[in-house]
PDB file of N, CA and C in Angstrom:
ATOM      1  N   UNK A   1     -16.111   9.004 -10.131  1.00  0.00           N
ATOM      2  CA  UNK A   1     -15.838   8.223  -8.924  1.00  0.00           C
ATOM      3  C   UNK A   1     -17.116   7.542  -8.471  1.00  0.00           C
ATOM      4  N   UNK A   2     -16.996   6.253  -8.211  1.00  0.00           N
ATOM      5  CA  UNK A   2     -18.146   5.540  -7.698  1.00  0.00           C
ATOM      6  C   UNK A   2     -17.837   5.070  -6.276  1.00  0.00           C
ATOM      7  N   UNK A   3     -18.709   5.501  -5.350  1.00  0.00           N
ATOM      8  CA  UNK A   3     -18.562   5.098  -3.984  1.00  0.00           C
ATOM      9  C   UNK A   3     -19.139   3.707  -3.779  1.00  0.00           C
ATOM     10  N   UNK A   4     -18.450   2.863  -2.979  1.00  0.00           N
ATOM     11  CA  UNK A   4     -18.924   1.528  -2.705  1.00  0.00           C
ATOM     12  C   UNK A   4     -19.081   1.356  -1.228  1.00  0.00           C
ATOM     13  N   UNK A   5     -20.009   0.480  -0.812  1.00  0.00           N
ATOM     14  CA  UNK A   5     -20.238   0.283   0.614  1.00  0.00           C
ATOM     15  C   UNK A   5     -19.445  -0.849   1.161  1.00  0.00           C
ATOM     16  N   UNK A   6     -19.004  -1.785   0.308  1.00  0.00           N
ATOM     17  CA  UNK A   6     -18.328  -2.947   0.871  1.00  0.00           C
ATOM     18  C   UNK A   6     -16.836  -2.797   1.056  1.00  0.00           C
ATOM     19  N   UNK A   7     -16.296  -1.600   0.741  1.00  0.00           N
ATOM     20  CA  UNK A   7     -14.855  -1.361   0.898  1.00  0.00           C
ATOM     21  C   UNK A   7     -14.641   0.027   1.530  1.00  0.00           C
ATOM     22  N   UNK A   8     -15.011   0.212   2.764  1.00  0.00           N
ATOM     23  CA  UNK A   8     -14.845   1.532   3.348  1.00  0.00           C
ATOM     24  C   UNK A   8     -13.399   1.972   3.347  1.00  0.00           C
ATOM     25  N   UNK A   9     -13.197   3.220   3.078  1.00  0.00           N
ATOM     26  CA  UNK A   9     -11.819   3.772   3.078  1.00  0.00           C
ATOM     27  C   UNK A   9     -11.190   3.657   1.692  1.00  0.00           C
ATOM     28  N   UNK A  10     -11.757   2.905   0.792  1.00  0.00           N
ATOM     29  CA  UNK A  10     -11.157   2.736  -0.520  1.00  0.00           C
ATOM     30  C   UNK A  10     -11.729   3.706  -1.546  1.00  0.00           C
ATOM     31  N   UNK A  11     -12.670   4.527  -1.163  1.00  0.00           N
ATOM     32  CA  UNK A  11     -13.194   5.506  -2.096  1.00  0.00           C
ATOM     33  C   UNK A  11     -12.232   6.638  -2.336  1.00  0.00           C
ATOM     34  N   UNK A  12     -11.239   6.773  -1.493  1.00  0.00           N
ATOM     35  CA  UNK A  12     -10.201   7.819  -1.693  1.00  0.00           C
ATOM     36  C   UNK A  12      -8.977   7.157  -2.249  1.00  0.00           C
ATOM     37  N   UNK A  13      -8.477   7.705  -3.299  1.00  0.00           N
ATOM     38  CA  UNK A  13      -7.275   7.065  -3.875  1.00  0.00           C
ATOM     39  C   UNK A  13      -6.205   8.153  -3.930  1.00  0.00           C
ATOM     40  N   UNK A  14      -5.022   7.645  -3.916  1.00  0.00           N
ATOM     41  CA  UNK A  14      -3.810   8.534  -3.922  1.00  0.00           C
ATOM     42  C   UNK A  14      -3.105   8.306  -5.259  1.00  0.00           C
ATOM     43  N   UNK A  15      -3.668   8.817  -6.329  1.00  0.00           N
ATOM     44  CA  UNK A  15      -3.060   8.594  -7.621  1.00  0.00           C
ATOM     45  C   UNK A  15      -1.920   9.564  -7.797  1.00  0.00           C
ATOM     46  N   UNK A  16      -0.856   9.063  -8.427  1.00  0.00           N
ATOM     47  CA  UNK A  16       0.315   9.902  -8.680  1.00  0.00           C
ATOM     48  C   UNK A  16       0.554   9.956 -10.181  1.00  0.00           C
ATOM     49  N   UNK A  17       0.654  11.158 -10.647  1.00  0.00           N
ATOM     50  CA  UNK A  17       0.955  11.387 -12.059  1.00  0.00           C
ATOM     51  C   UNK A  17       2.453  11.689 -12.073  1.00  0.00           C
ATOM     52  N   UNK A  18       3.268  10.759 -12.538  1.00  0.00           N
ATOM     53  CA  UNK A  18       4.707  10.927 -12.470  1.00  0.00           C
ATOM     54  C   UNK A  18       5.308  11.601 -13.705  1.00  0.00           C
ATOM     55  N   UNK A  19       4.434  12.058 -14.593  1.00  0.00           N
ATOM     56  CA  UNK A  19       4.982  12.692 -15.852  1.00  0.00           C
ATOM     57  C   UNK A  19       5.876  13.882 -15.578  1.00  0.00           C
ATOM     58  N   UNK A  20       5.563  14.697 -14.619  1.00  0.00           N
ATOM     59  CA  UNK A  20       6.375  15.914 -14.387  1.00  0.00           C
ATOM     60  C   UNK A  20       7.791  15.517 -13.910  1.00  0.00           C
ATOM     61  N   UNK A  21       7.885  14.602 -12.936  1.00  0.00           N
ATOM     62  CA  UNK A  21       9.195  14.162 -12.455  1.00  0.00           C
ATOM     63  C   UNK A  21       9.980  13.479 -13.544  1.00  0.00           C
ATOM     64  N   UNK A  22       9.286  12.770 -14.399  1.00  0.00           N
ATOM     65  CA  UNK A  22       9.953  12.078 -15.529  1.00  0.00           C
ATOM     66  C   UNK A  22      10.457  13.078 -16.538  1.00  0.00           C
ATOM     67  N   UNK A  23       9.616  14.073 -16.847  1.00  0.00           N
ATOM     68  CA  UNK A  23       9.974  15.067 -17.866  1.00  0.00           C
ATOM     69  C   UNK A  23      11.038  16.040 -17.368  1.00  0.00           C
ATOM     70  N   UNK A  24      10.894  16.566 -16.144  1.00  0.00           N
ATOM     71  CA  UNK A  24      11.736  17.617 -15.643  1.00  0.00           C
ATOM     72  C   UNK A  24      13.069  17.033 -15.059  1.00  0.00           C
ATOM     73  N   UNK A  25      13.042  15.896 -14.489  1.00  0.00           N
ATOM     74  CA  UNK A  25      14.231  15.328 -13.841  1.00  0.00           C
ATOM     75  C   UNK A  25      14.765  14.123 -14.510  1.00  0.00           C
ATOM     76  N   UNK A  26      14.011  13.589 -15.471  1.00  0.00           N
ATOM     77  CA  UNK A  26      14.463  12.382 -16.132  1.00  0.00           C
ATOM     78  C   UNK A  26      14.379  11.124 -15.275  1.00  0.00           C
ATOM     79  N   UNK A  27      13.580  11.185 -14.167  1.00  0.00           N
ATOM     80  CA  UNK A  27      13.470  10.066 -13.286  1.00  0.00           C
ATOM     81  C   UNK A  27      12.587   8.961 -13.955  1.00  0.00           C
ATOM     82  N   UNK A  28      13.005   7.759 -13.739  1.00  0.00           N
ATOM     83  CA  UNK A  28      12.195   6.593 -14.189  1.00  0.00           C
ATOM     84  C   UNK A  28      12.231   5.590 -13.047  1.00  0.00           C
ATOM     85  N   UNK A  29      11.132   4.885 -12.836  1.00  0.00           N
ATOM     86  CA  UNK A  29      11.104   3.863 -11.799  1.00  0.00           C
ATOM     87  C   UNK A  29      12.094   2.754 -12.174  1.00  0.00           C
ATOM     88  N   UNK A  30      12.808   2.185 -11.173  1.00  0.00           N
ATOM     89  CA  UNK A  30      13.763   1.083 -11.399  1.00  0.00           C
ATOM     90  C   UNK A  30      13.070  -0.193 -11.678  1.00  0.00           C
ATOM     91  N   UNK A  31      11.825  -0.357 -11.208  1.00  0.00           N
ATOM     92  CA  UNK A  31      11.072  -1.610 -11.358  1.00  0.00           C
ATOM     93  C   UNK A  31       9.683  -1.299 -11.864  1.00  0.00           C
ATOM     94  N   UNK A  32       9.046  -2.245 -12.512  1.00  0.00           N
ATOM     95  CA  UNK A  32       7.693  -2.083 -12.850  1.00  0.00           C
ATOM     96  C   UNK A  32       6.841  -2.188 -11.581  1.00  0.00           C
ATOM     97  N   UNK A  33       5.603  -1.810 -11.694  1.00  0.00           N
ATOM     98  CA  UNK A  33       4.711  -1.910 -10.548  1.00  0.00           C
ATOM     99  C   UNK A  33       4.615  -3.379 -10.067  1.00  0.00           C
ATOM    100  N   UNK A  34       4.434  -4.290 -11.092  1.00  0.00           N
ATOM    101  CA  UNK A  34       4.295  -5.686 -10.785  1.00  0.00           C
ATOM    102  C   UNK A  34       5.546  -6.241 -10.077  1.00  0.00           C
ATOM    103  N   UNK A  35       6.718  -5.854 -10.568  1.00  0.00           N
ATOM    104  CA  UNK A  35       7.958  -6.314  -9.944  1.00  0.00           C
ATOM    105  C   UNK A  35       8.077  -5.779  -8.519  1.00  0.00           C
ATOM    106  N   UNK A  36       7.767  -4.529  -8.324  1.00  0.00           N
ATOM    107  CA  UNK A  36       7.836  -3.918  -7.010  1.00  0.00           C
ATOM    108  C   UNK A  36       6.869  -4.541  -6.039  1.00  0.00           C
ATOM    109  N   UNK A  37       5.675  -4.841  -6.513  1.00  0.00           N
ATOM    110  CA  UNK A  37       4.686  -5.482  -5.682  1.00  0.00           C
ATOM    111  C   UNK A  37       5.116  -6.897  -5.284  1.00  0.00           C
ATOM    112  N   UNK A  38       5.640  -7.652  -6.231  1.00  0.00           N
ATOM    113  CA  UNK A  38       6.129  -9.004  -5.933  1.00  0.00           C
ATOM    114  C   UNK A  38       7.274  -8.918  -4.911  1.00  0.00           C
ATOM    115  N   UNK A  39       8.204  -8.001  -5.094  1.00  0.00           N
ATOM    116  CA  UNK A  39       9.335  -7.919  -4.155  1.00  0.00           C
ATOM    117  C   UNK A  39       8.879  -7.494  -2.777  1.00  0.00           C
ATOM    118  N   UNK A  40       7.892  -6.599  -2.739  1.00  0.00           N
ATOM    119  CA  UNK A  40       7.393  -6.153  -1.426  1.00  0.00           C
ATOM    120  C   UNK A  40       6.697  -7.283  -0.680  1.00  0.00           C
ATOM    121  N   UNK A  41       5.846  -8.010  -1.399  1.00  0.00           N
ATOM    122  CA  UNK A  41       5.145  -9.156  -0.755  1.00  0.00           C
ATOM    123  C   UNK A  41       6.161 -10.205  -0.289  1.00  0.00           C
ATOM    124  N   UNK A  42       7.142 -10.464  -1.148  1.00  0.00           N
ATOM    125  CA  UNK A  42       8.167 -11.476  -0.779  1.00  0.00           C
ATOM    126  C   UNK A  42       8.915 -11.026   0.490  1.00  0.00           C
ATOM    127  N   UNK A  43       9.245  -9.711   0.592  1.00  0.00           N
ATOM    128  CA  UNK A  43       9.919  -9.221   1.767  1.00  0.00           C
ATOM    129  C   UNK A  43       9.134  -9.445   3.017  1.00  0.00           C
ATOM    130  N   UNK A  44       7.848  -9.117   2.932  1.00  0.00           N
ATOM    131  CA  UNK A  44       7.005  -9.329   4.163  1.00  0.00           C
ATOM    132  C   UNK A  44       6.877 -10.792   4.526  1.00  0.00           C
ATOM    133  N   UNK A  45       6.781 -11.646   3.542  1.00  0.00           N
ATOM    134  CA  UNK A  45       6.698 -13.093   3.808  1.00  0.00           C
ATOM    135  C   UNK A  45       7.975 -13.608   4.421  1.00  0.00           C
ATOM    136  N   UNK A  46       9.111 -13.084   4.013  1.00  0.00           N
ATOM    137  CA  UNK A  46      10.371 -13.528   4.495  1.00  0.00           C
ATOM    138  C   UNK A  46      10.699 -12.904   5.924  1.00  0.00           C
ATOM    139  N   UNK A  47       9.937 -11.883   6.297  1.00  0.00           N
ATOM    140  CA  UNK A  47      10.178 -11.200   7.604  1.00  0.00           C
ATOM    141  C   UNK A  47       8.968 -11.190   8.434  1.00  0.00           C
ATOM    142  N   UNK A  48       8.301 -12.299   8.524  1.00  0.00           N
ATOM    143  CA  UNK A  48       7.056 -12.428   9.351  1.00  0.00           C
ATOM    144  C   UNK A  48       7.302 -12.086  10.761  1.00  0.00           C
ATOM    145  N   UNK A  49       8.439 -12.442  11.323  1.00  0.00           N
ATOM    146  CA  UNK A  49       8.663 -12.114  12.706  1.00  0.00           C
ATOM    147  C   UNK A  49       8.689 -10.613  12.968  1.00  0.00           C
ATOM    148  N   UNK A  50       9.250  -9.850  12.043  1.00  0.00           N
ATOM    149  CA  UNK A  50       9.262  -8.400  12.152  1.00  0.00           C
ATOM    150  C   UNK A  50       7.838  -7.899  12.067  1.00  0.00           C
ATOM    151  N   UNK A  51       7.076  -8.373  11.136  1.00  0.00           N
ATOM    152  CA  UNK A  51       5.719  -7.969  10.976  1.00  0.00           C
ATOM    153  C   UNK A  51       4.868  -8.212  12.263  1.00  0.00           C
ATOM    154  N   UNK A  52       5.069  -9.357  12.889  1.00  0.00           N
ATOM    155  CA  UNK A  52       4.357  -9.680  14.090  1.00  0.00           C
ATOM    156  C   UNK A  52       4.814  -8.744  15.224  1.00  0.00           C
ATOM    157  N   UNK A  53       6.066  -8.402  15.271  1.00  0.00           N
ATOM    158  CA  UNK A  53       6.613  -7.567  16.334  1.00  0.00           C
ATOM    159  C   UNK A  53       6.019  -6.155  16.207  1.00  0.00           C
ATOM    160  N   UNK A  54       5.999  -5.595  15.017  1.00  0.00           N
ATOM    161  CA  UNK A  54       5.571  -4.207  14.865  1.00  0.00           C
ATOM    162  C   UNK A  54       4.055  -4.095  14.943  1.00  0.00           C
ATOM    163  N   UNK A  55       3.289  -5.147  14.762  1.00  0.00           N
ATOM    164  CA  UNK A  55       1.832  -5.021  14.864  1.00  0.00           C
ATOM    165  C   UNK A  55       1.296  -5.512  16.256  1.00  0.00           C
ATOM    166  N   UNK A  56       2.137  -6.153  17.030  1.00  0.00           N
ATOM    167  CA  UNK A  56       1.715  -6.634  18.335  1.00  0.00           C
ATOM    168  C   UNK A  56       1.241  -5.435  19.190  1.00  0.00           C
ATOM    169  N   UNK A  57       0.059  -5.664  19.793  1.00  0.00           N
ATOM    170  CA  UNK A  57      -0.575  -4.641  20.659  1.00  0.00           C
ATOM    171  C   UNK A  57      -0.963  -3.365  19.860  1.00  0.00           C
ATOM    172  N   UNK A  58      -0.930  -3.388  18.584  1.00  0.00           N
ATOM    173  CA  UNK A  58      -1.304  -2.223  17.775  1.00  0.00           C
ATOM    174  C   UNK A  58      -2.454  -2.563  16.798  1.00  0.00           C
ATOM    175  N   UNK A  59      -2.506  -3.816  16.383  1.00  0.00           N
ATOM    176  CA  UNK A  59      -3.506  -4.194  15.353  1.00  0.00           C
ATOM    177  C   UNK A  59      -4.048  -5.548  15.702  1.00  0.00           C
ATOM    178  N   UNK A  60      -5.360  -5.654  15.849  1.00  0.00           N
ATOM    179  CA  UNK A  60      -5.985  -6.910  16.296  1.00  0.00           C
ATOM    180  C   UNK A  60      -6.460  -7.775  15.142  1.00  0.00           C
ATOM    181  N   UNK A  61      -6.173  -7.403  13.892  1.00  0.00           N
ATOM    182  CA  UNK A  61      -6.554  -8.195  12.770  1.00  0.00           C
ATOM    183  C   UNK A  61      -7.907  -7.876  12.193  1.00  0.00           C
ATOM    184  N   UNK A  62      -8.695  -7.020  12.845  1.00  0.00           N
ATOM    185  CA  UNK A  62      -9.976  -6.690  12.329  1.00  0.00           C
ATOM    186  C   UNK A  62      -9.840  -5.810  11.041  1.00  0.00           C
ATOM    187  N   UNK A  63     -10.855  -5.838  10.266  1.00  0.00           N
ATOM    188  CA  UNK A  63     -10.876  -5.057   9.004  1.00  0.00           C
ATOM    189  C   UNK A  63     -10.807  -3.580   9.361  1.00  0.00           C
ATOM    190  N   UNK A  64      -9.894  -2.891   8.666  1.00  0.00           N
ATOM    191  CA  UNK A  64      -9.695  -1.448   8.886  1.00  0.00           C
ATOM    192  C   UNK A  64     -10.720  -0.639   8.087  1.00  0.00           C
ATOM    193  N   UNK A  65     -10.978   0.565   8.505  1.00  0.00           N
ATOM    194  CA  UNK A  65     -11.842   1.512   7.750  1.00  0.00           C
ATOM    195  C   UNK A  65     -13.301   1.420   8.117  1.00  0.00           C
ATOM    196  N   UNK A  66     -13.640   0.706   9.122  1.00  0.00           N
ATOM    197  CA  UNK A  66     -15.101   0.592   9.496  1.00  0.00           C
ATOM    198  C   UNK A  66     -15.473   1.525  10.653  1.00  0.00           C
ATOM    199  N   UNK A  67     -14.538   2.327  11.088  1.00  0.00           N
ATOM    200  CA  UNK A  67     -14.852   3.304  12.142  1.00  0.00           C
ATOM    201  C   UNK A  67     -14.765   2.821  13.558  1.00  0.00           C
ATOM    202  N   UNK A  68     -14.162   1.632  13.749  1.00  0.00           N
ATOM    203  CA  UNK A  68     -13.980   1.116  15.130  1.00  0.00           C
ATOM    204  C   UNK A  68     -13.008   2.010  15.862  1.00  0.00           C
ATOM    205  N   UNK A  69     -13.216   2.184  17.147  1.00  0.00           N
ATOM    206  CA  UNK A  69     -12.300   2.953  17.941  1.00  0.00           C
ATOM    207  C   UNK A  69     -11.632   2.082  18.920  1.00  0.00           C
TER     208      UNK A  69
END
């Protein structure tokens, strides 16, 4: 692991090893990572009003992870 100073909060990762669920339950993702990411971004772009509503008075647009209170 290499710690970086320009991306606070990114030194911790939440890696998932899905081999066990695949082997024991036969689960497989319905979409590739790339497909899921595209669909997720498209959803947010199509629902900008919702995004603005849920972030209003909660997020001021500043970069997260810098320790601001």
